[in-house]
Amino acid sequence: MSQLHSSEEDDSLPLPKAAQSILGELRADGAAVRETWTTVREIGNRTELSIDVTREHLRWLAVNGYIRLTIVEGGILVKITSPGFAGDDSPNSSCEKFTGLITDGKGKGKHFVKLQGYARQFRQKLGYDPYPGTLNVDLTSGSIQDLDLIPAICINAWSTDEKTFGAVYCYPAIIKGESGTTHKPAHIIVPERTSHDNTTLEIIAPTELRLIPEIETNKQVTVHV
């Protein structure tokens, strides 16, 4: 059994998209709270990365202090070790905080989340069927680009005979209303193809968030990731 030793994490080092996807899958497997057994091939299959690219980015994550990686017979043991990525779901432990006003969307989210190629992966990777529609938040502080250093759960691109649909990056989130009450589970989604700019968050959840009294149009919310 051998272990890859990490150096002290450099907070200014950008987290590659492939590494984000791998961290998202590891987090979904519970590696944020316990050492988890898996294989390079399995992670590569789930992130649609080649074995070589998966192996390279696992090594990168280990060397830069994001994970503890131990090579064992038949696979690897992985534990997420980077502060902020370890899966504590309280707002005070979040990596990023966004504040904004709830706005009315154009209704595209309702169609989007019901597309079979996405719906199947949402169910598998997020653990729920999203309510058909997205909650839109126009940011007064923060930007979508602030998510670049946070591991994402990748909903892979897919296609039909007529059309190709882009990947979607999902970030576990906690919504906090003006009263201080928190609401979860929920996920910020960042599609590769979107009509929104970097000042609008799109959020999905298993229930209709707008039925919550303090989550209404023009109400302020804080979103913790």
C-alpha atoms as a PDB file:
ATOM      1  CA  MET A   1       0.000   0.000   0.000  1.00  0.00           C
ATOM      2  CA  SER A   2       1.411   3.409  -0.935  1.00  0.00           C
ATOM      3  CA  GLN A   3       0.260   6.943  -0.334  1.00  0.00           C
ATOM      4  CA  LEU A   4       0.688  10.129  -2.316  1.00  0.00           C
ATOM      5  CA  HIS A   5       1.806  12.895   0.030  1.00  0.00           C
ATOM      6  CA  SER A   6       0.404  16.376  -0.384  1.00  0.00           C
ATOM      7  CA  SER A   7       2.108  19.692  -0.240  1.00  0.00           C
ATOM      8  CA  GLU A   8       0.531  22.674   1.491  1.00  0.00           C
ATOM      9  CA  GLU A   9      -2.427  23.805  -0.603  1.00  0.00           C
ATOM     10  CA  ASP A  10      -1.899  26.946  -2.694  1.00  0.00           C
ATOM     11  CA  ASP A  11      -5.182  28.889  -2.443  1.00  0.00           C
ATOM     12  CA  SER A  12      -4.331  30.904  -5.560  1.00  0.00           C
ATOM     13  CA  LEU A  13      -3.920  27.827  -7.756  1.00  0.00           C
ATOM     14  CA  PRO A  14      -6.860  27.479 -10.183  1.00  0.00           C
ATOM     15  CA  LEU A  15      -8.760  24.223  -9.911  1.00  0.00           C
ATOM     16  CA  PRO A  16      -8.953  22.598 -13.375  1.00  0.00           C
ATOM     17  CA  LYS A  17     -12.429  21.695 -14.645  1.00  0.00           C
ATOM     18  CA  ALA A  18     -11.488  18.003 -14.791  1.00  0.00           C
ATOM     19  CA  ALA A  19     -10.356  18.157 -11.164  1.00  0.00           C
ATOM     20  CA  GLN A  20     -13.631  19.876 -10.218  1.00  0.00           C
ATOM     21  CA  SER A  21     -15.610  17.057 -11.815  1.00  0.00           C
ATOM     22  CA  ILE A  22     -13.553  14.410 -10.024  1.00  0.00           C
ATOM     23  CA  LEU A  23     -13.970  16.162  -6.663  1.00  0.00           C
ATOM     24  CA  GLY A  24     -17.703  16.403  -7.263  1.00  0.00           C
ATOM     25  CA  GLU A  25     -17.957  12.657  -7.891  1.00  0.00           C
ATOM     26  CA  LEU A  26     -15.828  11.878  -4.834  1.00  0.00           C
ATOM     27  CA  ARG A  27     -17.989  14.129  -2.701  1.00  0.00           C
ATOM     28  CA  ALA A  28     -21.127  12.417  -4.019  1.00  0.00           C
ATOM     29  CA  ASP A  29     -19.575   9.082  -2.937  1.00  0.00           C
ATOM     30  CA  GLY A  30     -19.090  10.334   0.625  1.00  0.00           C
ATOM     31  CA  ALA A  31     -15.331  10.953   0.421  1.00  0.00           C
ATOM     32  CA  ALA A  32     -15.863  14.303   2.143  1.00  0.00           C
ATOM     33  CA  VAL A  33     -16.691  12.525   5.415  1.00  0.00           C
ATOM     34  CA  ARG A  34     -14.918   9.168   5.161  1.00  0.00           C
ATOM     35  CA  GLU A  35     -12.160   7.375   3.295  1.00  0.00           C
ATOM     36  CA  THR A  36     -13.792   5.867   0.203  1.00  0.00           C
ATOM     37  CA  TRP A  37     -12.694   2.972  -2.005  1.00  0.00           C
ATOM     38  CA  THR A  38     -12.954   3.385  -5.770  1.00  0.00           C
ATOM     39  CA  THR A  39     -10.975   2.855  -8.954  1.00  0.00           C
ATOM     40  CA  VAL A  40      -9.465   5.234 -11.490  1.00  0.00           C
ATOM     41  CA  ARG A  41     -11.537   3.569 -14.207  1.00  0.00           C
ATOM     42  CA  GLU A  42     -14.802   4.087 -12.312  1.00  0.00           C
ATOM     43  CA  ILE A  43     -14.094   7.782 -11.736  1.00  0.00           C
ATOM     44  CA  GLY A  44     -13.078   8.158 -15.374  1.00  0.00           C
ATOM     45  CA  ASN A  45     -16.279   6.511 -16.583  1.00  0.00           C
ATOM     46  CA  ARG A  46     -18.468   8.736 -14.415  1.00  0.00           C
ATOM     47  CA  THR A  47     -16.722  11.956 -15.426  1.00  0.00           C
ATOM     48  CA  GLU A  48     -16.224  10.854 -19.057  1.00  0.00           C
ATOM     49  CA  LEU A  49     -12.466  11.403 -18.741  1.00  0.00           C
ATOM     50  CA  SER A  50      -9.827   9.030 -20.053  1.00  0.00           C
ATOM     51  CA  ILE A  51      -7.968   6.860 -17.556  1.00  0.00           C
ATOM     52  CA  ASP A  52      -4.753   8.813 -18.144  1.00  0.00           C
ATOM     53  CA  VAL A  53      -6.442  12.194 -17.602  1.00  0.00           C
ATOM     54  CA  THR A  54      -8.252  10.889 -14.514  1.00  0.00           C
ATOM     55  CA  ARG A  55      -5.037   9.503 -13.055  1.00  0.00           C
ATOM     56  CA  GLU A  56      -3.179  12.767 -13.788  1.00  0.00           C
ATOM     57  CA  HIS A  57      -5.803  14.916 -12.061  1.00  0.00           C
ATOM     58  CA  LEU A  58      -6.125  12.603  -9.059  1.00  0.00           C
ATOM     59  CA  ARG A  59      -2.373  12.965  -8.597  1.00  0.00           C
ATOM     60  CA  TRP A  60      -2.702  16.753  -9.012  1.00  0.00           C
ATOM     61  CA  LEU A  61      -5.440  16.884  -6.361  1.00  0.00           C
ATOM     62  CA  ALA A  62      -3.314  14.825  -3.968  1.00  0.00           C
ATOM     63  CA  VAL A  63      -0.121  16.817  -4.489  1.00  0.00           C
ATOM     64  CA  ASN A  64      -1.958  20.118  -4.026  1.00  0.00           C
ATOM     65  CA  GLY A  65      -3.659  19.071  -0.819  1.00  0.00           C
ATOM     66  CA  TYR A  66      -7.249  18.596  -1.933  1.00  0.00           C
ATOM     67  CA  ILE A  67      -7.378  14.850  -1.255  1.00  0.00           C
ATOM     68  CA  ARG A  68      -5.501  12.083   0.550  1.00  0.00           C
ATOM     69  CA  LEU A  69      -4.927   9.295  -1.952  1.00  0.00           C
ATOM     70  CA  THR A  70      -3.766   5.808  -0.971  1.00  0.00           C
ATOM     71  CA  ILE A  71      -3.084   3.145  -3.614  1.00  0.00           C
ATOM     72  CA  VAL A  72      -4.259  -0.303  -2.497  1.00  0.00           C
ATOM     73  CA  GLU A  73      -4.667  -3.648  -4.208  1.00  0.00           C
ATOM     74  CA  GLY A  74      -7.468  -3.424  -6.739  1.00  0.00           C
ATOM     75  CA  GLY A  75      -8.127   0.300  -6.406  1.00  0.00           C
ATOM     76  CA  ILE A  76      -7.558   3.481  -4.421  1.00  0.00           C
ATOM     77  CA  LEU A  77      -8.698   4.912  -1.094  1.00  0.00           C
ATOM     78  CA  VAL A  78      -9.604   8.601  -1.263  1.00  0.00           C
ATOM     79  CA  LYS A  79     -10.517  11.185   1.385  1.00  0.00           C
ATOM     80  CA  ILE A  80     -11.215  14.847   0.628  1.00  0.00           C
ATOM     81  CA  THR A  81      -8.968  16.848   2.946  1.00  0.00           C
ATOM     82  CA  SER A  82      -9.074  20.421   1.656  1.00  0.00           C
ATOM     83  CA  PRO A  83     -10.775  22.856   4.070  1.00  0.00           C
ATOM     84  CA  GLY A  84     -14.041  24.088   2.586  1.00  0.00           C
ATOM     85  CA  PHE A  85     -14.475  21.013   0.369  1.00  0.00           C
ATOM     86  CA  ALA A  86     -15.056  18.543   3.186  1.00  0.00           C
ATOM     87  CA  GLY A  87     -18.825  18.495   2.981  1.00  0.00           C
ATOM     88  CA  ASP A  88     -19.911  20.332   6.139  1.00  0.00           C
ATOM     89  CA  ASP A  89     -23.338  21.578   5.103  1.00  0.00           C
ATOM     90  CA  SER A  90     -23.805  24.400   7.611  1.00  0.00           C
ATOM     91  CA  PRO A  91     -23.890  27.957   6.191  1.00  0.00           C
ATOM     92  CA  ASN A  92     -21.005  29.049   8.432  1.00  0.00           C
ATOM     93  CA  SER A  93     -18.689  26.499   6.802  1.00  0.00           C
ATOM     94  CA  SER A  94     -19.515  27.377   3.184  1.00  0.00           C
ATOM     95  CA  CYS A  95     -16.825  28.135   0.602  1.00  0.00           C
ATOM     96  CA  GLU A  96     -18.718  30.997  -1.029  1.00  0.00           C
ATOM     97  CA  LYS A  97     -21.676  33.190  -0.157  1.00  0.00           C
ATOM     98  CA  PHE A  98     -23.904  34.943  -2.677  1.00  0.00           C
ATOM     99  CA  THR A  99     -26.592  37.542  -1.991  1.00  0.00           C
ATOM    100  CA  GLY A 100     -29.275  38.623  -4.412  1.00  0.00           C
ATOM    101  CA  LEU A 101     -32.920  39.234  -5.243  1.00  0.00           C
ATOM    102  CA  ILE A 102     -35.293  36.568  -6.529  1.00  0.00           C
ATOM    103  CA  THR A 103     -36.508  37.343 -10.042  1.00  0.00           C
ATOM    104  CA  ASP A 104     -39.015  35.863 -12.461  1.00  0.00           C
ATOM    105  CA  GLY A 105     -37.497  33.678 -15.172  1.00  0.00           C
ATOM    106  CA  LYS A 106     -38.666  33.054 -18.714  1.00  0.00           C
ATOM    107  CA  GLY A 107     -39.931  29.525 -18.077  1.00  0.00           C
ATOM    108  CA  LYS A 108     -37.059  27.790 -19.890  1.00  0.00           C
ATOM    109  CA  GLY A 109     -35.925  26.010 -16.723  1.00  0.00           C
ATOM    110  CA  LYS A 110     -39.165  24.021 -16.556  1.00  0.00           C
ATOM    111  CA  HIS A 111     -38.426  22.416 -19.923  1.00  0.00           C
ATOM    112  CA  PHE A 112     -34.701  22.075 -19.233  1.00  0.00           C
ATOM    113  CA  VAL A 113     -34.854  19.977 -16.046  1.00  0.00           C
ATOM    114  CA  LYS A 114     -37.416  17.588 -17.567  1.00  0.00           C
ATOM    115  CA  LEU A 115     -35.221  16.635 -20.538  1.00  0.00           C
ATOM    116  CA  GLN A 116     -34.561  12.918 -20.138  1.00  0.00           C
ATOM    117  CA  GLY A 117     -30.792  13.140 -20.657  1.00  0.00           C
ATOM    118  CA  TYR A 118     -30.524  15.600 -17.772  1.00  0.00           C
ATOM    119  CA  ALA A 119     -33.313  14.202 -15.569  1.00  0.00           C
ATOM    120  CA  ARG A 120     -31.710  10.762 -15.421  1.00  0.00           C
ATOM    121  CA  GLN A 121     -28.359  12.199 -14.346  1.00  0.00           C
ATOM    122  CA  PHE A 122     -29.918  14.582 -11.805  1.00  0.00           C
ATOM    123  CA  ARG A 123     -31.613  11.587 -10.188  1.00  0.00           C
ATOM    124  CA  GLN A 124     -28.415   9.523 -10.194  1.00  0.00           C
ATOM    125  CA  LYS A 125     -25.906  12.183  -9.153  1.00  0.00           C
ATOM    126  CA  LEU A 126     -27.920  14.611  -7.017  1.00  0.00           C
ATOM    127  CA  GLY A 127     -30.204  12.020  -5.445  1.00  0.00           C
ATOM    128  CA  TYR A 128     -33.514  13.605  -6.382  1.00  0.00           C
ATOM    129  CA  ASP A 129     -35.801  14.581  -9.250  1.00  0.00           C
ATOM    130  CA  PRO A 130     -35.739  18.395  -9.474  1.00  0.00           C
ATOM    131  CA  TYR A 131     -38.995  20.311  -9.392  1.00  0.00           C
ATOM    132  CA  PRO A 132     -39.636  21.400 -13.005  1.00  0.00           C
ATOM    133  CA  GLY A 133     -38.275  24.921 -13.003  1.00  0.00           C
ATOM    134  CA  THR A 134     -35.352  26.941 -11.693  1.00  0.00           C
ATOM    135  CA  LEU A 135     -35.205  29.652  -9.034  1.00  0.00           C
ATOM    136  CA  ASN A 136     -33.406  32.687 -10.456  1.00  0.00           C
ATOM    137  CA  VAL A 137     -31.425  35.035  -8.208  1.00  0.00           C
ATOM    138  CA  ASP A 138     -30.004  38.311  -9.543  1.00  0.00           C
ATOM    139  CA  LEU A 139     -26.809  38.797  -7.569  1.00  0.00           C
ATOM    140  CA  THR A 140     -26.034  41.948  -5.625  1.00  0.00           C
ATOM    141  CA  SER A 141     -22.804  40.418  -4.315  1.00  0.00           C
ATOM    142  CA  GLY A 142     -20.662  37.694  -5.854  1.00  0.00           C
ATOM    143  CA  SER A 143     -20.390  36.315  -9.375  1.00  0.00           C
ATOM    144  CA  ILE A 144     -20.826  32.945 -11.044  1.00  0.00           C
ATOM    145  CA  GLN A 145     -17.075  33.014 -11.640  1.00  0.00           C
ATOM    146  CA  ASP A 146     -16.565  32.677  -7.869  1.00  0.00           C
ATOM    147  CA  LEU A 147     -17.589  29.027  -8.270  1.00  0.00           C
ATOM    148  CA  ASP A 148     -14.515  28.233 -10.365  1.00  0.00           C
ATOM    149  CA  LEU A 149     -12.489  26.995  -7.369  1.00  0.00           C
ATOM    150  CA  ILE A 150     -15.297  24.828  -5.961  1.00  0.00           C
ATOM    151  CA  PRO A 151     -15.719  21.161  -6.972  1.00  0.00           C
ATOM    152  CA  ALA A 152     -18.746  20.613  -9.159  1.00  0.00           C
ATOM    153  CA  ILE A 153     -20.943  17.593  -9.778  1.00  0.00           C
ATOM    154  CA  CYS A 154     -20.861  17.262 -13.551  1.00  0.00           C
ATOM    155  CA  ILE A 155     -24.018  16.415 -15.472  1.00  0.00           C
ATOM    156  CA  ASN A 156     -22.491  15.159 -18.695  1.00  0.00           C
ATOM    157  CA  ALA A 157     -23.309  16.428 -22.166  1.00  0.00           C
ATOM    158  CA  TRP A 158     -25.631  14.220 -24.226  1.00  0.00           C
ATOM    159  CA  SER A 159     -27.240  14.196 -27.631  1.00  0.00           C
ATOM    160  CA  THR A 160     -30.161  13.014 -29.727  1.00  0.00           C
ATOM    161  CA  ASP A 161     -30.253  12.464 -33.469  1.00  0.00           C
ATOM    162  CA  GLU A 162     -31.232  16.096 -33.923  1.00  0.00           C
ATOM    163  CA  LYS A 163     -29.404  18.021 -31.203  1.00  0.00           C
ATOM    164  CA  THR A 164     -26.496  18.077 -28.758  1.00  0.00           C
ATOM    165  CA  PHE A 165     -27.024  19.261 -25.182  1.00  0.00           C
ATOM    166  CA  GLY A 166     -24.144  20.722 -23.172  1.00  0.00           C
ATOM    167  CA  ALA A 167     -22.799  19.699 -19.774  1.00  0.00           C
ATOM    168  CA  VAL A 168     -24.177  21.220 -16.578  1.00  0.00           C
ATOM    169  CA  TYR A 169     -22.118  21.862 -13.434  1.00  0.00           C
ATOM    170  CA  CYS A 170     -23.977  21.519 -10.119  1.00  0.00           C
ATOM    171  CA  TYR A 171     -22.966  22.930  -6.728  1.00  0.00           C
ATOM    172  CA  PRO A 172     -24.670  21.843  -3.458  1.00  0.00           C
ATOM    173  CA  ALA A 173     -26.218  24.953  -1.914  1.00  0.00           C
ATOM    174  CA  ILE A 174     -28.103  26.162   1.143  1.00  0.00           C
ATOM    175  CA  ILE A 175     -30.619  28.978   0.692  1.00  0.00           C
ATOM    176  CA  LYS A 176     -31.085  31.388   3.586  1.00  0.00           C
ATOM    177  CA  GLY A 177     -34.088  33.719   3.665  1.00  0.00           C
ATOM    178  CA  GLU A 178     -34.443  37.093   5.341  1.00  0.00           C
ATOM    179  CA  SER A 179     -35.725  35.431   8.524  1.00  0.00           C
ATOM    180  CA  GLY A 180     -32.521  33.389   8.793  1.00  0.00           C
ATOM    181  CA  THR A 181     -34.293  30.105   8.053  1.00  0.00           C
ATOM    182  CA  THR A 182     -32.238  27.764   5.847  1.00  0.00           C
ATOM    183  CA  HIS A 183     -33.588  25.598   3.045  1.00  0.00           C
ATOM    184  CA  LYS A 184     -31.945  22.508   1.516  1.00  0.00           C
ATOM    185  CA  PRO A 185     -31.252  20.371  -0.438  1.00  0.00           C
ATOM    186  CA  ALA A 186     -30.715  22.587  -3.436  1.00  0.00           C
ATOM    187  CA  HIS A 187     -28.099  22.992  -6.168  1.00  0.00           C
ATOM    188  CA  ILE A 188     -26.826  25.919  -8.162  1.00  0.00           C
ATOM    189  CA  ILE A 189     -26.618  24.840 -11.786  1.00  0.00           C
ATOM    190  CA  VAL A 190     -24.232  26.340 -14.328  1.00  0.00           C
ATOM    191  CA  PRO A 191     -24.980  25.094 -17.859  1.00  0.00           C
ATOM    192  CA  GLU A 192     -22.236  25.302 -20.449  1.00  0.00           C
ATOM    193  CA  ARG A 193     -24.860  26.853 -22.720  1.00  0.00           C
ATOM    194  CA  THR A 194     -26.979  29.536 -21.096  1.00  0.00           C
ATOM    195  CA  SER A 195     -28.606  32.863 -21.883  1.00  0.00           C
ATOM    196  CA  HIS A 196     -27.739  34.195 -18.389  1.00  0.00           C
ATOM    197  CA  ASP A 197     -24.664  36.246 -17.565  1.00  0.00           C
ATOM    198  CA  ASN A 198     -22.382  35.900 -14.524  1.00  0.00           C
ATOM    199  CA  THR A 199     -24.744  37.866 -12.268  1.00  0.00           C
ATOM    200  CA  THR A 200     -27.649  35.388 -12.258  1.00  0.00           C
ATOM    201  CA  LEU A 201     -27.802  32.185 -10.222  1.00  0.00           C
ATOM    202  CA  GLU A 202     -30.070  29.345 -11.314  1.00  0.00           C
ATOM    203  CA  ILE A 203     -31.094  26.975  -8.530  1.00  0.00           C
ATOM    204  CA  ILE A 204     -32.885  23.627  -8.584  1.00  0.00           C
ATOM    205  CA  ALA A 205     -34.373  21.653  -5.702  1.00  0.00           C
ATOM    206  CA  PRO A 206     -36.643  18.618  -5.215  1.00  0.00           C
ATOM    207  CA  THR A 207     -39.546  20.859  -4.152  1.00  0.00           C
ATOM    208  CA  GLU A 208     -41.063  24.097  -5.433  1.00  0.00           C
ATOM    209  CA  LEU A 209     -38.991  26.678  -3.557  1.00  0.00           C
ATOM    210  CA  ARG A 210     -41.412  29.488  -4.402  1.00  0.00           C
ATOM    211  CA  LEU A 211     -44.034  27.912  -2.134  1.00  0.00           C
ATOM    212  CA  ILE A 212     -41.861  29.016   0.802  1.00  0.00           C
ATOM    213  CA  PRO A 213     -43.243  32.427   1.925  1.00  0.00           C
ATOM    214  CA  GLU A 214     -39.873  34.186   2.150  1.00  0.00           C
ATOM    215  CA  ILE A 215     -38.739  32.926  -1.255  1.00  0.00           C
ATOM    216  CA  GLU A 216     -40.779  35.211  -3.471  1.00  0.00           C
ATOM    217  CA  THR A 217     -40.073  37.623  -6.311  1.00  0.00           C
ATOM    218  CA  ASN A 218     -38.003  40.630  -5.160  1.00  0.00           C
ATOM    219  CA  LYS A 219     -37.192  39.014  -1.789  1.00  0.00           C
ATOM    220  CA  GLN A 220     -33.522  38.915  -0.803  1.00  0.00           C
ATOM    221  CA  VAL A 221     -31.834  35.578  -0.182  1.00  0.00           C
ATOM    222  CA  THR A 222     -28.332  34.431   0.667  1.00  0.00           C
ATOM    223  CA  VAL A 223     -27.008  31.303  -1.027  1.00  0.00           C
ATOM    224  CA  HIS A 224     -24.193  29.373   0.651  1.00  0.00           C
ATOM    225  CA  VAL A 225     -22.091  26.891  -1.340  1.00  0.00           C
END
